[in-house]
Amino acid sequence: MTAAFDKASYGTGEDMTIGLALKNTSADDMRVSVSFDRRASNPNSVYVTATTTFKEYAEFTIAAGATVTNVLTGTVINPNATAGTLIISLAGPGGPTESTFTVPVTKKLATAAGTVFYDRNGNGEQDRGEGVRATLSWESKVDLQYEPTTTAGAGGAFSVELVPGKYIVRGTSGDFLVTPQEVTVPASGVDNLVFEARPTLTDLDVEMVFTKDTYKPTEAPTVRVTLTNNGNTPVSEVIADCFHSSDWPGLTGTGAGWGDLAGGGVAVAAKSTKVLTVTESMPAQAENFGYVSVDCVFAYAELTGDLDNPRAGDKATVPGKSAVVKGAVSVGPDLSGAGFRVVLTGADGKCPIIAEATTDANGRFTLGEVPVGEYIAYVLPPTPRWIFKGNNDKPVTVIAGRENFIGYVAFPAEADNDFLKQPPTCGGGGGGPGATPPGPQGSTKPGLAYTGASIIVPGVAGLLALMAGIGAVLVTRRRKAS
């Protein structure tokens, strides 16, 4: 392996052109790959940013006696480096080998200067009094370890000495956020950079509510979005960035039905409220889950990841399908899992009782076929002298086309467990779970005869999360967030 630099020395941040040659001196063809080391312990690393023939880590063949060449582009970012170190690792039939090549580097910095401002009058220009004091972070696009900072003064002006190169510049300032911007700083420096600051959205309250509690699978759900700006500063270009996936029944927040929330953004004047109605097609998974959801962060398009952005969501039911629910209570070896009573209620943990079953000797149970949707499943031991890993009640979502399995882990205790969660008492005459014996294992809708009520799957507010280790989903949502 040989490497030749195109210059005898370089300045910090200057692009290096490096000719690399790999010669196979054996009598057999070789299958190899190359990587360029960026060790944190070596602050003088030459960061390879481009190659011309083979890519890093990609395998290729060098014929017996042949030479393969490549032209590399690299740079040294460390402003204190006096030499650049290029470390190349070669993986091949004889095991990994490593070669190191060095070149002198002279410290050279460039000046980046400009202003940060908030366009209070909306004329697109910085006027007197619009400068913003802010701290700017300059994140190198090559060496993530290099991230100098500078602070703009009260008038918004800043000047900083940097290694020449490409940066992502971000900034914060009390009541403002600085819109991220990609900046190239040449060796000659750059002046008149302009960064726009925008008010934080901590004073923006958001409420999202479906206009109906229940939708048919063929309907297009609509959501009423209420934006309330409690601050003294107007906000503009606010969009909805919604959490969604093809595997879940959430609205995407995209399309013409979302209007400016999916386009150029919405403006809300200071101390005012704006109400919008948005819509899109029903998610394909909504009928299988028994509900449609919406869960969105409201933010500037370039700043959706800011932690102070308001978030809101809601749910509505989409009834129609049903699915079988099974489960098991694991009690460990040499113990019987029989006699545990499992009770399924609505998602609010209240009446009616949707289904009920008792475990067999192996701890298994079947709640039968129930409408898809959200529920609470309680498990009650045959005696109070049992404790559970986690709680003895679990929020679950029954999903069509999937295995719906509820798993519990129980341990025998030496004393009564006074912390067992109890399902609601439903029905007249003081009846409740167990007042009517549950149906035999495998029976359909075992709780219907007992409750004497129609099956209802109520919506519930809260946040959506996936339950580990079972085929059910823990689901809650918030309707309002600030």
Protein backbone atom coordinates (compact mmCIF):
# COMPACT_ATOMS: atom_id res chain seq x y z
CA MET A 1 0.00 0.00 0.00
CA THR A 2 1.33 3.43 -0.94
CA ALA A 3 -0.13 6.94 -0.65
CA ALA A 4 1.06 10.17 -2.27
CA PHE A 5 -0.17 13.64 -1.20
CA ASP A 6 -0.48 16.25 -3.95
CA LYS A 7 1.26 18.88 -1.79
CA ALA A 8 4.17 18.91 0.61
CA SER A 9 2.06 20.54 3.35
CA TYR A 10 -1.44 21.88 3.96
CA GLY A 11 -3.33 24.41 5.99
CA THR A 12 -5.95 23.37 8.55
CA GLY A 13 -9.23 22.51 6.82
CA GLU A 14 -7.63 22.54 3.35
CA ASP A 15 -8.67 19.77 0.95
CA MET A 16 -5.96 17.19 0.32
CA THR A 17 -5.78 15.10 -2.85
CA ILE A 18 -4.20 11.74 -2.07
CA GLY A 19 -3.26 9.06 -4.59
CA LEU A 20 -3.66 5.57 -3.09
CA ALA A 21 -2.24 2.44 -4.72
CA LEU A 22 -2.79 -1.18 -3.63
CA LYS A 23 -0.59 -3.78 -5.27
CA ASN A 24 -1.24 -7.53 -5.05
CA THR A 25 2.24 -9.07 -4.88
CA SER A 26 0.94 -12.64 -4.46
CA ALA A 27 0.29 -15.27 -7.14
CA ASP A 28 -3.44 -15.41 -6.30
CA ASP A 29 -6.34 -13.01 -6.74
CA MET A 30 -7.34 -11.21 -3.55
CA ARG A 31 -10.74 -10.11 -2.26
CA VAL A 32 -10.20 -7.07 -0.05
CA SER A 33 -11.84 -3.98 1.46
CA VAL A 34 -10.45 -0.68 2.73
CA SER A 35 -11.44 1.60 5.62
CA PHE A 36 -10.08 4.95 6.77
CA ASP A 37 -9.57 5.21 10.51
CA ARG A 38 -11.06 8.18 12.39
CA ARG A 39 -9.84 7.39 15.88
CA ALA A 40 -11.00 9.71 18.63
CA SER A 41 -7.60 9.13 20.24
CA ASN A 42 -5.94 10.62 17.14
CA PRO A 43 -7.02 14.28 16.91
CA ASN A 44 -4.75 14.72 13.87
CA SER A 45 -6.71 12.27 11.72
CA VAL A 46 -7.03 12.98 8.03
CA TYR A 47 -10.78 12.67 7.43
CA VAL A 48 -11.37 11.08 4.04
CA THR A 49 -14.42 12.78 2.55
CA ALA A 50 -14.48 11.29 -0.96
CA THR A 51 -13.07 8.47 -3.11
CA THR A 52 -13.02 7.97 -6.88
CA THR A 53 -12.97 4.19 -7.52
CA PHE A 54 -13.75 1.82 -4.65
CA LYS A 55 -15.79 2.97 -1.67
CA GLU A 56 -14.91 2.52 1.98
CA TYR A 57 -15.79 -0.98 3.30
CA ALA A 58 -16.85 -2.17 -0.18
CA GLU A 59 -15.22 -5.46 -1.20
CA PHE A 60 -13.36 -5.67 -4.53
CA THR A 61 -10.88 -8.00 -6.20
CA ILE A 62 -7.21 -7.29 -6.97
CA ALA A 63 -5.90 -9.73 -9.56
CA ALA A 64 -2.56 -11.47 -8.94
CA GLY A 65 0.27 -9.02 -9.64
CA ALA A 66 -2.14 -6.16 -10.37
CA THR A 67 -2.34 -2.68 -8.84
CA VAL A 68 -5.58 -0.89 -8.01
CA THR A 69 -5.54 2.89 -7.56
CA ASN A 70 -7.90 5.36 -5.93
CA VAL A 71 -7.88 9.11 -5.47
CA LEU A 72 -8.92 10.26 -2.00
CA THR A 73 -10.05 13.66 -0.82
CA GLY A 74 -9.32 14.41 2.83
CA THR A 75 -8.77 17.15 5.36
CA VAL A 76 -7.55 17.81 8.90
CA ILE A 77 -10.01 19.71 11.10
CA ASN A 78 -8.12 19.94 14.39
CA PRO A 79 -6.89 23.58 14.59
CA ASN A 80 -3.98 22.54 16.82
CA ALA A 81 -2.65 19.80 14.52
CA THR A 82 0.88 20.18 13.19
CA ALA A 83 0.64 17.03 11.06
CA GLY A 84 -2.11 15.07 9.40
CA THR A 85 -2.24 11.32 9.96
CA LEU A 86 -3.93 9.13 7.36
CA ILE A 87 -4.56 5.62 8.73
CA ILE A 88 -5.74 3.05 6.18
CA SER A 89 -6.89 -0.44 7.18
CA LEU A 90 -6.89 -3.24 4.59
CA ALA A 91 -9.02 -6.36 5.22
CA GLY A 92 -8.05 -9.37 3.12
CA PRO A 93 -7.18 -13.09 3.13
CA GLY A 94 -4.13 -12.60 5.33
CA GLY A 95 -6.10 -10.73 7.98
CA PRO A 96 -6.31 -6.96 8.59
CA THR A 97 -3.25 -4.81 7.97
CA GLU A 98 -2.79 -1.12 8.67
CA SER A 99 -0.64 1.59 7.10
CA THR A 100 -0.07 5.16 8.31
CA PHE A 101 0.90 8.15 6.18
CA THR A 102 1.64 11.65 7.50
CA VAL A 103 1.91 15.13 6.05
CA PRO A 104 2.76 18.52 7.68
CA VAL A 105 -0.17 20.81 8.55
CA THR A 106 -0.02 24.53 9.36
CA LYS A 107 -2.65 26.14 11.55
CA LYS A 108 -4.89 28.40 9.46
CA LEU A 109 -8.21 29.84 10.59
CA ALA A 110 -10.79 31.94 8.78
CA THR A 111 -13.19 34.60 10.06
CA ALA A 112 -16.97 34.19 9.80
CA ALA A 113 -18.98 37.30 10.65
CA GLY A 114 -22.59 38.40 10.40
CA THR A 115 -25.77 39.11 12.37
CA VAL A 116 -28.69 37.38 14.04
CA PHE A 117 -32.04 39.18 13.88
CA TYR A 118 -35.78 38.77 14.39
CA ASP A 119 -37.89 40.30 11.62
CA ARG A 120 -40.43 42.02 13.86
CA ASN A 121 -42.08 44.06 11.10
CA GLY A 122 -42.06 41.22 8.55
CA ASN A 123 -40.32 43.18 5.79
CA GLY A 124 -37.66 40.51 5.23
CA GLU A 125 -34.80 42.79 6.24
CA GLN A 126 -32.94 43.58 9.42
CA ASP A 127 -34.00 46.96 10.74
CA ARG A 128 -32.82 48.95 13.71
CA GLY A 129 -33.62 47.25 17.00
CA GLU A 130 -34.17 43.79 15.46
CA GLY A 131 -30.80 42.28 16.44
CA VAL A 132 -30.93 39.24 18.74
CA ARG A 133 -28.34 38.17 21.29
CA ALA A 134 -27.81 34.44 20.63
CA THR A 135 -25.26 31.66 21.07
CA LEU A 136 -24.32 30.00 17.77
CA SER A 137 -22.92 26.47 17.54
CA TRP A 138 -20.83 25.67 14.46
CA GLU A 139 -21.05 21.91 13.85
CA SER A 140 -18.39 20.67 11.44
CA LYS A 141 -19.87 18.43 8.75
CA VAL A 142 -16.59 16.49 8.63
CA ASP A 143 -15.36 16.15 12.22
CA LEU A 144 -18.25 15.93 14.66
CA GLN A 145 -15.81 16.50 17.53
CA TYR A 146 -15.18 20.04 16.30
CA GLU A 147 -18.01 22.39 17.32
CA PRO A 148 -16.88 25.90 18.25
CA THR A 149 -19.40 28.42 19.57
CA THR A 150 -19.76 32.18 19.50
CA THR A 151 -22.22 34.66 20.95
CA ALA A 152 -23.90 37.44 19.04
CA GLY A 153 -24.04 40.71 20.99
CA ALA A 154 -27.11 42.76 21.86
CA GLY A 155 -27.22 44.15 18.33
CA GLY A 156 -27.03 40.66 16.86
CA ALA A 157 -23.48 41.04 15.46
CA PHE A 158 -20.96 38.18 15.76
CA SER A 159 -17.47 37.25 14.56
CA VAL A 160 -15.69 33.92 15.06
CA GLU A 161 -12.41 32.30 14.00
CA LEU A 162 -12.96 28.85 12.48
CA VAL A 163 -11.21 26.12 10.56
CA PRO A 164 -12.24 26.57 6.90
CA GLY A 165 -14.91 24.08 5.87
CA LYS A 166 -18.63 23.29 5.86
CA TYR A 167 -20.80 23.76 8.94
CA ILE A 168 -24.35 23.41 10.20
CA VAL A 169 -25.01 26.45 12.36
CA ARG A 170 -27.66 26.32 15.09
CA GLY A 171 -28.47 28.83 17.77
CA THR A 172 -30.51 29.54 20.87
CA SER A 173 -31.37 32.63 22.82
CA GLY A 174 -33.80 32.75 25.71
CA ASP A 175 -37.00 33.70 23.90
CA PHE A 176 -35.75 32.87 20.39
CA LEU A 177 -34.62 29.96 18.22
CA VAL A 178 -32.17 30.48 15.39
CA THR A 179 -33.12 28.79 12.13
CA PRO A 180 -30.40 26.19 11.30
CA GLN A 181 -28.33 27.04 8.24
CA GLU A 182 -25.56 25.34 6.27
CA VAL A 183 -22.54 27.61 5.87
CA THR A 184 -19.32 27.15 3.91
CA VAL A 185 -16.38 29.08 5.37
CA PRO A 186 -13.60 29.47 2.76
CA ALA A 187 -9.96 30.03 3.67
CA SER A 188 -10.47 33.72 2.89
CA GLY A 189 -13.32 33.95 5.41
CA VAL A 190 -16.92 35.06 4.95
CA ASP A 191 -18.77 38.24 5.97
CA ASN A 192 -22.38 39.41 6.05
CA LEU A 193 -23.86 36.09 7.16
CA VAL A 194 -27.48 36.49 8.25
CA PHE A 195 -29.29 34.16 10.64
CA GLU A 196 -32.99 34.55 11.27
CA ALA A 197 -34.31 34.13 14.81
CA ARG A 198 -37.87 33.16 15.61
CA PRO A 199 -39.82 33.29 18.87
CA THR A 200 -39.95 30.03 20.81
CA LEU A 201 -43.35 28.33 20.78
CA THR A 202 -43.61 27.92 24.55
CA ASP A 203 -46.56 30.34 24.60
CA LEU A 204 -48.46 28.39 21.92
CA ASP A 205 -51.22 26.09 23.20
CA VAL A 206 -52.59 23.45 20.83
CA GLU A 207 -55.73 21.35 21.02
CA MET A 208 -56.64 18.63 18.50
CA VAL A 209 -60.07 16.98 18.61
CA PHE A 210 -61.72 14.66 16.11
CA THR A 211 -65.05 16.15 15.07
CA LYS A 212 -66.73 12.75 15.63
CA ASP A 213 -66.20 10.08 18.29
CA THR A 214 -66.79 7.26 15.78
CA TYR A 215 -66.03 6.89 12.07
CA LYS A 216 -66.81 4.29 9.45
CA PRO A 217 -63.75 2.72 7.78
CA THR A 218 -64.72 4.45 4.53
CA GLU A 219 -65.01 7.93 6.06
CA ALA A 220 -62.35 10.61 5.94
CA PRO A 221 -61.72 11.70 9.54
CA THR A 222 -61.66 15.41 10.31
CA VAL A 223 -59.82 17.14 13.14
CA ARG A 224 -60.46 20.54 14.68
CA VAL A 225 -57.13 22.20 15.50
CA THR A 226 -57.14 25.13 17.92
CA LEU A 227 -53.96 27.23 18.13
CA THR A 228 -53.81 29.77 20.95
CA ASN A 229 -50.90 32.21 21.13
CA ASN A 230 -50.71 33.40 24.74
CA GLY A 231 -47.54 35.42 24.11
CA ASN A 232 -46.96 39.02 23.22
CA THR A 233 -45.19 38.15 19.97
CA PRO A 234 -46.91 36.88 16.80
CA VAL A 235 -45.76 33.54 15.38
CA SER A 236 -45.83 32.46 11.74
CA GLU A 237 -44.97 29.53 9.47
CA VAL A 238 -46.03 26.97 12.09
CA ILE A 239 -46.60 23.49 10.64
CA ALA A 240 -47.91 20.17 11.99
CA ASP A 241 -45.29 17.42 12.13
CA CYS A 242 -47.29 14.25 12.85
CA PHE A 243 -46.05 10.89 14.09
CA HIS A 244 -47.23 8.11 11.78
CA SER A 245 -46.29 4.78 10.26
CA SER A 246 -47.83 2.41 7.74
CA ASP A 247 -48.14 -0.11 10.59
CA TRP A 248 -50.26 2.19 12.77
CA PRO A 249 -53.61 3.98 12.37
CA GLY A 250 -52.29 7.52 12.72
CA LEU A 251 -52.97 10.45 10.42
CA THR A 252 -49.90 11.62 8.51
CA GLY A 253 -50.49 15.37 8.67
CA THR A 254 -49.86 15.62 4.93
CA GLY A 255 -51.93 16.39 1.86
CA ALA A 256 -54.19 19.18 0.71
CA GLY A 257 -56.68 18.54 3.49
CA TRP A 258 -54.22 19.90 6.05
CA GLY A 259 -53.93 23.24 4.28
CA ASP A 260 -51.17 25.55 5.47
CA LEU A 261 -50.30 23.20 8.37
CA ALA A 262 -48.78 20.91 5.75
CA GLY A 263 -47.50 23.71 3.53
CA GLY A 264 -46.09 27.14 4.17
CA GLY A 265 -47.27 27.21 7.77
CA VAL A 266 -49.87 29.08 9.81
CA ALA A 267 -49.59 32.51 11.44
CA VAL A 268 -51.15 33.26 14.83
CA ALA A 269 -51.21 36.83 16.08
CA ALA A 270 -50.20 37.67 19.64
CA LYS A 271 -52.89 37.05 22.28
CA SER A 272 -55.19 35.39 19.76
CA THR A 273 -56.65 32.03 18.77
CA LYS A 274 -56.94 30.42 15.35
CA VAL A 275 -59.19 27.40 14.67
CA LEU A 276 -58.61 25.16 11.66
CA THR A 277 -60.35 22.02 10.41
CA VAL A 278 -58.14 19.46 8.67
CA THR A 279 -58.83 16.11 7.04
CA GLU A 280 -57.23 13.23 5.15
CA SER A 281 -58.10 9.71 4.07
CA MET A 282 -58.66 7.06 6.72
CA PRO A 283 -55.40 5.19 7.50
CA ALA A 284 -55.40 1.66 6.14
CA GLN A 285 -54.77 0.15 9.60
CA ALA A 286 -57.58 2.01 11.39
CA GLU A 287 -60.18 -0.72 10.85
CA ASN A 288 -57.79 -3.38 12.16
CA PHE A 289 -56.97 -1.37 15.29
CA GLY A 290 -60.50 -0.18 15.93
CA TYR A 291 -59.48 3.45 16.11
CA VAL A 292 -57.88 6.31 14.20
CA SER A 293 -55.41 8.59 15.95
CA VAL A 294 -53.64 11.88 15.39
CA ASP A 295 -50.47 12.91 17.24
CA CYS A 296 -48.56 15.98 16.08
CA VAL A 297 -45.86 18.42 17.11
CA PHE A 298 -46.41 22.03 16.07
CA ALA A 299 -43.20 23.76 15.07
CA TYR A 300 -41.30 25.78 12.53
CA ALA A 301 -40.42 23.54 9.59
CA GLU A 302 -36.68 23.79 10.26
CA LEU A 303 -37.05 23.30 14.03
CA THR A 304 -39.38 20.33 14.47
CA GLY A 305 -36.94 18.63 16.82
CA ASP A 306 -36.99 21.38 19.46
CA LEU A 307 -38.09 19.96 22.83
CA ASP A 308 -40.24 22.98 23.70
CA ASN A 309 -42.56 22.58 20.72
CA PRO A 310 -46.20 21.96 21.72
CA ARG A 311 -47.69 18.55 21.00
CA ALA A 312 -51.29 17.38 20.88
CA GLY A 313 -53.38 14.44 19.72
CA ASP A 314 -56.68 12.61 19.88
CA LYS A 315 -58.42 9.36 18.93
CA ALA A 316 -61.74 8.23 17.52
CA THR A 317 -63.11 4.71 17.23
CA VAL A 318 -63.46 2.82 13.95
CA PRO A 319 -65.58 -0.23 14.83
CA GLY A 320 -66.31 -3.23 12.62
CA LYS A 321 -63.72 -5.99 13.02
CA SER A 322 -63.04 -8.46 15.82
CA ALA A 323 -60.17 -10.72 16.85
CA VAL A 324 -59.41 -13.57 19.24
CA VAL A 325 -57.57 -12.72 22.46
CA LYS A 326 -55.46 -15.31 24.28
CA GLY A 327 -52.89 -15.16 27.02
CA ALA A 328 -51.05 -16.87 29.83
CA VAL A 329 -50.02 -16.36 33.43
CA SER A 330 -46.50 -17.66 34.02
CA VAL A 331 -45.98 -18.92 37.59
CA GLY A 332 -42.69 -20.80 37.33
CA PRO A 333 -41.88 -24.53 37.51
CA ASP A 334 -43.68 -26.95 39.88
CA LEU A 335 -46.54 -24.49 40.45
CA SER A 336 -50.07 -24.64 39.08
CA GLY A 337 -51.28 -21.76 36.97
CA ALA A 338 -54.93 -22.69 37.41
CA GLY A 339 -57.61 -20.46 38.89
CA PHE A 340 -56.37 -17.01 37.82
CA ARG A 341 -59.36 -14.96 36.68
CA VAL A 342 -58.85 -12.59 33.72
CA VAL A 343 -61.33 -9.74 33.20
CA LEU A 344 -61.42 -7.47 30.14
CA THR A 345 -63.00 -4.01 30.49
CA GLY A 346 -63.20 -0.91 28.34
CA ALA A 347 -60.12 1.27 27.94
CA ASP A 348 -61.21 3.48 30.84
CA GLY A 349 -61.23 0.47 33.20
CA LYS A 350 -64.96 0.90 33.78
CA CYS A 351 -68.08 -1.15 32.97
CA PRO A 352 -69.09 -3.04 30.95
CA ILE A 353 -67.10 -6.23 31.40
CA ILE A 354 -66.25 -7.19 27.83
CA ALA A 355 -64.99 -10.73 28.43
CA GLU A 356 -63.88 -12.98 31.28
CA ALA A 357 -61.99 -16.29 31.55
CA THR A 358 -60.17 -18.52 34.05
CA THR A 359 -56.70 -20.00 33.50
CA ASP A 360 -56.09 -23.72 33.19
CA ALA A 361 -53.34 -25.65 35.01
CA ASN A 362 -50.76 -24.29 32.55
CA GLY A 363 -51.85 -20.72 33.16
CA ARG A 364 -53.39 -20.34 29.71
CA PHE A 365 -56.65 -18.54 29.00
CA THR A 366 -58.80 -17.49 26.05
CA LEU A 367 -61.02 -14.42 26.17
CA GLY A 368 -62.60 -15.36 22.87
CA GLU A 369 -63.34 -13.04 19.97
CA VAL A 370 -63.86 -9.40 20.88
CA PRO A 371 -64.18 -6.24 18.82
CA VAL A 372 -60.84 -4.66 17.94
CA GLY A 373 -59.94 -1.67 20.04
CA GLU A 374 -58.53 -0.63 23.39
CA TYR A 375 -59.13 -2.39 26.71
CA ILE A 376 -57.85 -2.95 30.23
CA ALA A 377 -57.14 -6.59 31.14
CA TYR A 378 -57.12 -7.46 34.87
CA VAL A 379 -55.81 -10.75 36.27
CA LEU A 380 -56.92 -11.81 39.74
CA PRO A 381 -55.09 -14.67 41.51
CA PRO A 382 -56.97 -17.53 43.20
CA THR A 383 -55.73 -16.21 46.58
CA PRO A 384 -54.31 -12.82 47.58
CA ARG A 385 -50.90 -14.38 48.20
CA TRP A 386 -49.53 -13.63 44.77
CA ILE A 387 -47.55 -10.71 43.39
CA PHE A 388 -47.04 -9.75 39.75
CA LYS A 389 -44.17 -8.46 37.68
CA GLY A 390 -45.51 -5.00 37.01
CA ASN A 391 -49.19 -4.52 37.78
CA ASN A 392 -51.99 -7.05 37.58
CA ASP A 393 -53.80 -4.79 35.09
CA LYS A 394 -52.61 -3.97 31.56
CA PRO A 395 -53.87 -1.60 28.87
CA VAL A 396 -54.06 -3.61 25.64
CA THR A 397 -55.14 -3.06 22.07
CA VAL A 398 -56.83 -5.90 20.21
CA ILE A 399 -55.77 -5.84 16.55
CA ALA A 400 -57.33 -7.75 13.66
CA GLY A 401 -54.99 -9.92 11.62
CA ARG A 402 -52.44 -10.26 14.41
CA GLU A 403 -51.88 -12.56 17.36
CA ASN A 404 -53.37 -10.87 20.41
CA PHE A 405 -51.59 -12.33 23.42
CA ILE A 406 -51.61 -10.97 26.97
CA GLY A 407 -48.80 -12.19 29.21
CA TYR A 408 -48.45 -11.94 32.99
CA VAL A 409 -45.73 -13.17 35.36
CA ALA A 410 -46.86 -14.08 38.90
CA PHE A 411 -44.89 -15.09 42.00
CA PRO A 412 -46.20 -16.72 45.22
CA ALA A 413 -46.01 -14.46 48.29
CA GLU A 414 -45.82 -15.17 52.02
CA ALA A 415 -48.49 -12.62 52.86
CA ASP A 416 -51.62 -11.19 51.28
CA ASN A 417 -51.01 -8.68 48.49
CA ASP A 418 -53.11 -5.64 49.37
CA PHE A 419 -52.11 -3.76 46.21
CA LEU A 420 -53.93 -5.85 43.61
CA LYS A 421 -55.90 -3.70 41.17
CA GLN A 422 -59.58 -4.61 41.09
CA PRO A 423 -61.86 -4.50 38.03
CA PRO A 424 -65.15 -2.59 38.35
CA THR A 425 -68.25 -4.09 39.91
CA CYS A 426 -70.84 -4.24 37.16
CA GLY A 427 -74.46 -5.36 37.05
CA GLY A 428 -77.26 -5.09 39.59
CA GLY A 429 -77.58 -6.68 43.00
CA GLY A 430 -73.94 -6.22 43.96
CA GLY A 431 -72.74 -8.58 41.26
CA GLY A 432 -69.35 -8.27 39.67
CA PRO A 433 -66.60 -10.22 38.02
CA GLY A 434 -67.12 -13.86 38.87
CA ALA A 435 -70.76 -13.41 39.86
CA THR A 436 -71.56 -15.43 36.76
CA PRO A 437 -69.03 -18.23 36.08
CA PRO A 438 -66.88 -17.53 33.03
CA GLY A 439 -67.41 -19.54 29.90
CA PRO A 440 -65.26 -22.61 29.21
CA GLN A 441 -61.85 -22.14 27.55
CA GLY A 442 -62.22 -21.26 23.91
CA SER A 443 -65.82 -20.04 24.24
CA THR A 444 -66.86 -17.03 22.16
CA LYS A 445 -67.46 -13.69 23.87
CA PRO A 446 -67.43 -15.25 27.38
CA GLY A 447 -68.46 -12.03 29.12
CA LEU A 448 -71.51 -11.06 27.07
CA ALA A 449 -74.08 -13.19 28.83
CA TYR A 450 -72.90 -11.90 32.16
CA THR A 451 -72.92 -8.18 31.42
CA GLY A 452 -76.13 -8.12 29.44
CA ALA A 453 -74.74 -5.04 27.68
CA SER A 454 -73.64 -4.26 24.17
CA ILE A 455 -69.91 -4.12 23.54
CA ILE A 456 -68.58 -0.60 23.44
CA VAL A 457 -65.00 0.39 22.72
CA PRO A 458 -64.62 3.91 24.15
CA GLY A 459 -61.85 6.22 23.06
CA VAL A 460 -59.30 7.35 25.64
CA ALA A 461 -56.83 10.23 25.83
CA GLY A 462 -53.09 9.68 26.36
CA LEU A 463 -49.87 8.60 24.59
CA LEU A 464 -49.13 5.58 22.33
CA ALA A 465 -46.45 3.06 23.33
CA LEU A 466 -45.73 -0.55 22.45
CA MET A 467 -45.92 -3.20 25.20
CA ALA A 468 -42.76 -5.32 25.34
CA GLY A 469 -43.05 -9.09 25.03
CA ILE A 470 -46.72 -9.41 24.13
CA GLY A 471 -48.79 -9.07 21.01
CA ALA A 472 -50.86 -6.23 22.42
CA VAL A 473 -50.32 -2.50 22.38
CA LEU A 474 -50.47 -0.05 25.25
CA VAL A 475 -52.33 2.96 23.99
CA THR A 476 -53.17 6.37 25.46
CA ARG A 477 -53.33 9.86 23.99
CA ARG A 478 -53.43 13.48 25.00
CA ARG A 479 -56.02 15.75 23.50
CA LYS A 480 -54.27 18.93 24.51
CA ALA A 481 -50.69 20.00 25.02
CA SER A 482 -48.95 23.27 25.72
